[in-house]
Amino acid sequence: MIKKPLDSLNREELKSYIFEIQDSIDSHLKNGGDVDSFIDETDLFDDFEDVLPDEEYGIFVITLLNGIRSETVLNTLLDSLIKGIQSRAAISSI
């Protein structure tokens, strides 16, 4: 799975990227891996951790690991991601 820079993705691309990560996790688990090994072997979550508040980051990880694709959950997470990305960009430009 290719890691993508979050600040280069629009809302729909972020949603697709989340689905790609979920599919990657699902594939890892179907091939005999476990959640711990996936988390230990990847840095896919690092950029998300940088832009999401701690309490929302935990929900984000649970959403990805459990393959949750509810529009309500995803829209809430996407709103938080976009807000975090924009905040980080604003701080970087100072």
N, C-alpha and C. Protein backbone atom coordinates (compact mmCIF):
# COMPACT_ATOMS: atom_id res chain seq x y z
N MET A 1 0.84 -1.17 0.00
CA MET A 1 0.00 0.00 0.00
C MET A 1 0.89 1.23 0.00
N ILE A 2 0.58 2.17 -0.86
CA ILE A 2 1.35 3.39 -0.98
C ILE A 2 0.78 4.46 -0.06
N LYS A 3 1.64 5.02 0.78
CA LYS A 3 1.24 6.08 1.69
C LYS A 3 1.06 7.37 0.89
N LYS A 4 -0.02 8.10 1.19
CA LYS A 4 -0.32 9.33 0.45
C LYS A 4 -0.25 10.53 1.40
N PRO A 5 0.24 11.67 0.91
CA PRO A 5 0.25 12.87 1.75
C PRO A 5 -1.17 13.41 1.92
N LEU A 6 -1.61 13.52 3.16
CA LEU A 6 -2.99 13.91 3.43
C LEU A 6 -3.33 15.29 2.90
N ASP A 7 -2.37 16.21 2.94
CA ASP A 7 -2.67 17.58 2.53
C ASP A 7 -2.84 17.73 1.02
N SER A 8 -2.58 16.68 0.27
CA SER A 8 -2.76 16.74 -1.18
C SER A 8 -4.09 16.12 -1.62
N LEU A 9 -4.87 15.61 -0.65
CA LEU A 9 -6.10 14.90 -0.97
C LEU A 9 -7.33 15.75 -0.66
N ASN A 10 -8.31 15.70 -1.55
CA ASN A 10 -9.59 16.36 -1.25
C ASN A 10 -10.46 15.38 -0.46
N ARG A 11 -11.66 15.80 -0.11
CA ARG A 11 -12.54 15.00 0.73
C ARG A 11 -12.80 13.60 0.15
N GLU A 12 -13.15 13.53 -1.12
CA GLU A 12 -13.44 12.24 -1.74
C GLU A 12 -12.19 11.36 -1.81
N GLU A 13 -11.05 11.97 -2.08
CA GLU A 13 -9.79 11.21 -2.11
C GLU A 13 -9.42 10.70 -0.72
N LEU A 14 -9.67 11.50 0.31
CA LEU A 14 -9.44 11.04 1.69
C LEU A 14 -10.32 9.84 2.00
N LYS A 15 -11.57 9.92 1.60
CA LYS A 15 -12.50 8.80 1.83
C LYS A 15 -12.02 7.54 1.11
N SER A 16 -11.60 7.68 -0.13
CA SER A 16 -11.07 6.54 -0.89
C SER A 16 -9.81 5.98 -0.24
N TYR A 17 -8.96 6.88 0.26
CA TYR A 17 -7.73 6.47 0.93
C TYR A 17 -8.05 5.66 2.19
N ILE A 18 -9.05 6.11 2.95
CA ILE A 18 -9.48 5.37 4.13
C ILE A 18 -9.95 3.98 3.73
N PHE A 19 -10.73 3.88 2.66
CA PHE A 19 -11.19 2.58 2.18
C PHE A 19 -10.02 1.71 1.74
N GLU A 20 -9.02 2.29 1.10
CA GLU A 20 -7.82 1.54 0.70
C GLU A 20 -7.10 0.97 1.92
N ILE A 21 -6.99 1.78 2.95
CA ILE A 21 -6.33 1.30 4.18
C ILE A 21 -7.14 0.17 4.80
N GLN A 22 -8.47 0.35 4.85
CA GLN A 22 -9.32 -0.72 5.38
C GLN A 22 -9.16 -2.00 4.58
N ASP A 23 -9.10 -1.89 3.27
CA ASP A 23 -8.92 -3.07 2.42
C ASP A 23 -7.56 -3.72 2.66
N SER A 24 -6.55 -2.90 2.88
CA SER A 24 -5.21 -3.41 3.17
C SER A 24 -5.20 -4.16 4.50
N ILE A 25 -5.88 -3.62 5.50
CA ILE A 25 -5.98 -4.29 6.80
C ILE A 25 -6.71 -5.61 6.64
N ASP A 26 -7.83 -5.59 5.92
CA ASP A 26 -8.61 -6.80 5.69
C ASP A 26 -7.78 -7.87 4.99
N SER A 27 -7.03 -7.47 3.99
CA SER A 27 -6.16 -8.41 3.28
C SER A 27 -5.10 -9.00 4.21
N HIS A 28 -4.51 -8.14 5.02
CA HIS A 28 -3.49 -8.58 5.98
C HIS A 28 -4.07 -9.64 6.92
N LEU A 29 -5.27 -9.37 7.42
CA LEU A 29 -5.90 -10.31 8.36
C LEU A 29 -6.29 -11.62 7.67
N LYS A 30 -6.78 -11.53 6.43
CA LYS A 30 -7.16 -12.74 5.69
C LYS A 30 -5.95 -13.60 5.34
N ASN A 31 -4.77 -12.98 5.28
CA ASN A 31 -3.54 -13.72 4.96
C ASN A 31 -2.81 -14.20 6.21
N GLY A 32 -3.53 -14.25 7.33
CA GLY A 32 -2.96 -14.82 8.55
C GLY A 32 -2.31 -13.83 9.49
N GLY A 33 -2.28 -12.57 9.13
CA GLY A 33 -1.71 -11.57 10.02
C GLY A 33 -2.70 -11.20 11.10
N ASP A 34 -2.23 -10.42 12.06
CA ASP A 34 -3.13 -9.93 13.09
C ASP A 34 -3.03 -8.41 13.17
N VAL A 35 -3.94 -7.82 13.92
CA VAL A 35 -4.01 -6.36 14.02
C VAL A 35 -2.71 -5.79 14.56
N ASP A 36 -2.16 -6.42 15.60
CA ASP A 36 -0.92 -5.92 16.20
C ASP A 36 0.22 -5.89 15.20
N SER A 37 0.36 -6.94 14.42
CA SER A 37 1.45 -6.97 13.44
C SER A 37 1.23 -5.92 12.36
N PHE A 38 -0.02 -5.71 11.97
CA PHE A 38 -0.29 -4.68 10.97
C PHE A 38 0.13 -3.31 11.49
N ILE A 39 -0.28 -2.99 12.71
CA ILE A 39 0.05 -1.69 13.29
C ILE A 39 1.56 -1.55 13.46
N ASP A 40 2.21 -2.62 13.90
CA ASP A 40 3.67 -2.57 14.11
C ASP A 40 4.44 -2.42 12.80
N GLU A 41 3.91 -2.95 11.71
CA GLU A 41 4.63 -2.99 10.44
C GLU A 41 4.31 -1.82 9.51
N THR A 42 3.46 -0.90 9.93
CA THR A 42 3.06 0.18 9.04
C THR A 42 3.20 1.53 9.72
N ASP A 43 3.35 2.55 8.89
CA ASP A 43 3.34 3.92 9.40
C ASP A 43 2.17 4.69 8.77
N LEU A 44 1.19 3.95 8.24
CA LEU A 44 0.03 4.56 7.58
C LEU A 44 -0.78 5.45 8.52
N PHE A 45 -0.78 5.13 9.80
CA PHE A 45 -1.58 5.89 10.76
C PHE A 45 -0.90 7.17 11.24
N ASP A 46 0.41 7.27 11.05
CA ASP A 46 1.18 8.38 11.63
C ASP A 46 0.68 9.76 11.20
N ASP A 47 0.44 9.95 9.92
CA ASP A 47 -0.02 11.25 9.44
C ASP A 47 -1.39 11.60 9.99
N PHE A 48 -2.24 10.60 10.14
CA PHE A 48 -3.57 10.83 10.70
C PHE A 48 -3.46 11.23 12.17
N GLU A 49 -2.54 10.60 12.87
CA GLU A 49 -2.34 10.94 14.28
C GLU A 49 -1.90 12.39 14.45
N ASP A 50 -1.14 12.89 13.48
CA ASP A 50 -0.65 14.27 13.53
C ASP A 50 -1.76 15.31 13.34
N VAL A 51 -2.84 14.95 12.66
CA VAL A 51 -3.88 15.95 12.35
C VAL A 51 -5.17 15.77 13.15
N LEU A 52 -5.35 14.63 13.78
CA LEU A 52 -6.58 14.39 14.54
C LEU A 52 -6.35 14.59 16.03
N PRO A 53 -7.32 15.17 16.74
CA PRO A 53 -7.24 15.24 18.20
C PRO A 53 -7.18 13.82 18.76
N ASP A 54 -6.56 13.66 19.92
CA ASP A 54 -6.36 12.33 20.51
C ASP A 54 -7.65 11.52 20.61
N GLU A 55 -8.73 12.15 21.08
CA GLU A 55 -9.98 11.41 21.26
C GLU A 55 -10.57 10.96 19.92
N GLU A 56 -10.37 11.72 18.88
CA GLU A 56 -10.89 11.33 17.56
C GLU A 56 -9.95 10.35 16.86
N TYR A 57 -8.67 10.44 17.18
CA TYR A 57 -7.71 9.50 16.58
C TYR A 57 -8.05 8.07 16.98
N GLY A 58 -8.40 7.86 18.24
CA GLY A 58 -8.77 6.52 18.69
C GLY A 58 -9.98 5.98 17.94
N ILE A 59 -10.97 6.83 17.74
CA ILE A 59 -12.17 6.43 16.97
C ILE A 59 -11.78 6.12 15.53
N PHE A 60 -10.88 6.94 14.98
CA PHE A 60 -10.41 6.72 13.62
C PHE A 60 -9.76 5.34 13.47
N VAL A 61 -8.87 5.01 14.39
CA VAL A 61 -8.16 3.71 14.33
C VAL A 61 -9.16 2.57 14.46
N ILE A 62 -10.09 2.67 15.39
CA ILE A 62 -11.11 1.63 15.56
C ILE A 62 -11.94 1.49 14.28
N THR A 63 -12.28 2.62 13.68
CA THR A 63 -13.06 2.61 12.43
C THR A 63 -12.30 1.87 11.34
N LEU A 64 -11.01 2.17 11.20
CA LEU A 64 -10.22 1.51 10.17
C LEU A 64 -10.05 0.02 10.46
N LEU A 65 -9.69 -0.31 11.68
CA LEU A 65 -9.42 -1.71 12.02
C LEU A 65 -10.66 -2.58 11.91
N ASN A 66 -11.83 -2.01 12.15
CA ASN A 66 -13.07 -2.78 12.10
C ASN A 66 -13.80 -2.65 10.76
N GLY A 67 -13.22 -1.93 9.82
CA GLY A 67 -13.82 -1.82 8.50
C GLY A 67 -15.15 -1.10 8.48
N ILE A 68 -15.34 -0.17 9.40
CA ILE A 68 -16.59 0.57 9.48
C ILE A 68 -16.68 1.54 8.31
N ARG A 69 -17.76 1.48 7.56
CA ARG A 69 -17.93 2.33 6.39
C ARG A 69 -19.24 3.13 6.45
N SER A 70 -19.73 3.31 7.63
CA SER A 70 -20.95 4.10 7.84
C SER A 70 -20.72 5.54 7.38
N GLU A 71 -21.64 6.05 6.58
CA GLU A 71 -21.52 7.42 6.08
C GLU A 71 -21.45 8.43 7.23
N THR A 72 -22.23 8.20 8.27
CA THR A 72 -22.24 9.11 9.40
C THR A 72 -20.88 9.16 10.08
N VAL A 73 -20.32 8.00 10.37
CA VAL A 73 -19.01 7.93 11.02
C VAL A 73 -17.94 8.52 10.10
N LEU A 74 -17.96 8.12 8.84
CA LEU A 74 -16.94 8.61 7.90
C LEU A 74 -17.03 10.12 7.70
N ASN A 75 -18.22 10.65 7.58
CA ASN A 75 -18.36 12.10 7.39
C ASN A 75 -17.83 12.87 8.60
N THR A 76 -18.09 12.36 9.79
CA THR A 76 -17.57 13.01 11.00
C THR A 76 -16.05 12.97 11.01
N LEU A 77 -15.48 11.82 10.68
CA LEU A 77 -14.02 11.71 10.65
C LEU A 77 -13.42 12.57 9.54
N LEU A 78 -14.06 12.59 8.39
CA LEU A 78 -13.56 13.42 7.29
C LEU A 78 -13.59 14.90 7.66
N ASP A 79 -14.66 15.34 8.34
CA ASP A 79 -14.72 16.72 8.80
C ASP A 79 -13.54 17.04 9.72
N SER A 80 -13.26 16.13 10.65
CA SER A 80 -12.15 16.33 11.58
C SER A 80 -10.81 16.31 10.88
N LEU A 81 -10.66 15.40 9.92
CA LEU A 81 -9.41 15.32 9.17
C LEU A 81 -9.16 16.61 8.39
N ILE A 82 -10.17 17.08 7.70
CA ILE A 82 -10.01 18.29 6.89
C ILE A 82 -9.69 19.48 7.79
N LYS A 83 -10.38 19.57 8.92
CA LYS A 83 -10.11 20.66 9.87
C LYS A 83 -8.67 20.57 10.38
N GLY A 84 -8.23 19.38 10.73
CA GLY A 84 -6.86 19.19 11.23
C GLY A 84 -5.81 19.48 10.18
N ILE A 85 -6.06 19.06 8.96
CA ILE A 85 -5.13 19.32 7.85
C ILE A 85 -5.02 20.82 7.60
N GLN A 86 -6.16 21.49 7.59
CA GLN A 86 -6.16 22.95 7.37
C GLN A 86 -5.47 23.68 8.51
N SER A 87 -5.68 23.24 9.74
CA SER A 87 -5.02 23.86 10.90
C SER A 87 -3.50 23.67 10.81
N ARG A 88 -3.09 22.49 10.45
CA ARG A 88 -1.65 22.21 10.34
C ARG A 88 -1.04 23.05 9.22
N ALA A 89 -1.76 23.21 8.12
CA ALA A 89 -1.27 24.02 7.00
C ALA A 89 -1.16 25.49 7.41
N ALA A 90 -2.14 25.97 8.17
CA ALA A 90 -2.12 27.36 8.63
C ALA A 90 -0.94 27.61 9.57
N ILE A 91 -0.67 26.67 10.44
CA ILE A 91 0.46 26.79 11.38
C ILE A 91 1.78 26.75 10.60
N SER A 92 1.86 25.88 9.60
CA SER A 92 3.09 25.76 8.80
C SER A 92 3.39 27.01 8.00
N SER A 93 2.36 27.76 7.65
CA SER A 93 2.57 28.94 6.80
C SER A 93 2.95 30.18 7.61
N ILE A 94 2.92 30.04 8.93
CA ILE A 94 3.28 31.20 9.78
C ILE A 94 4.78 31.36 9.85
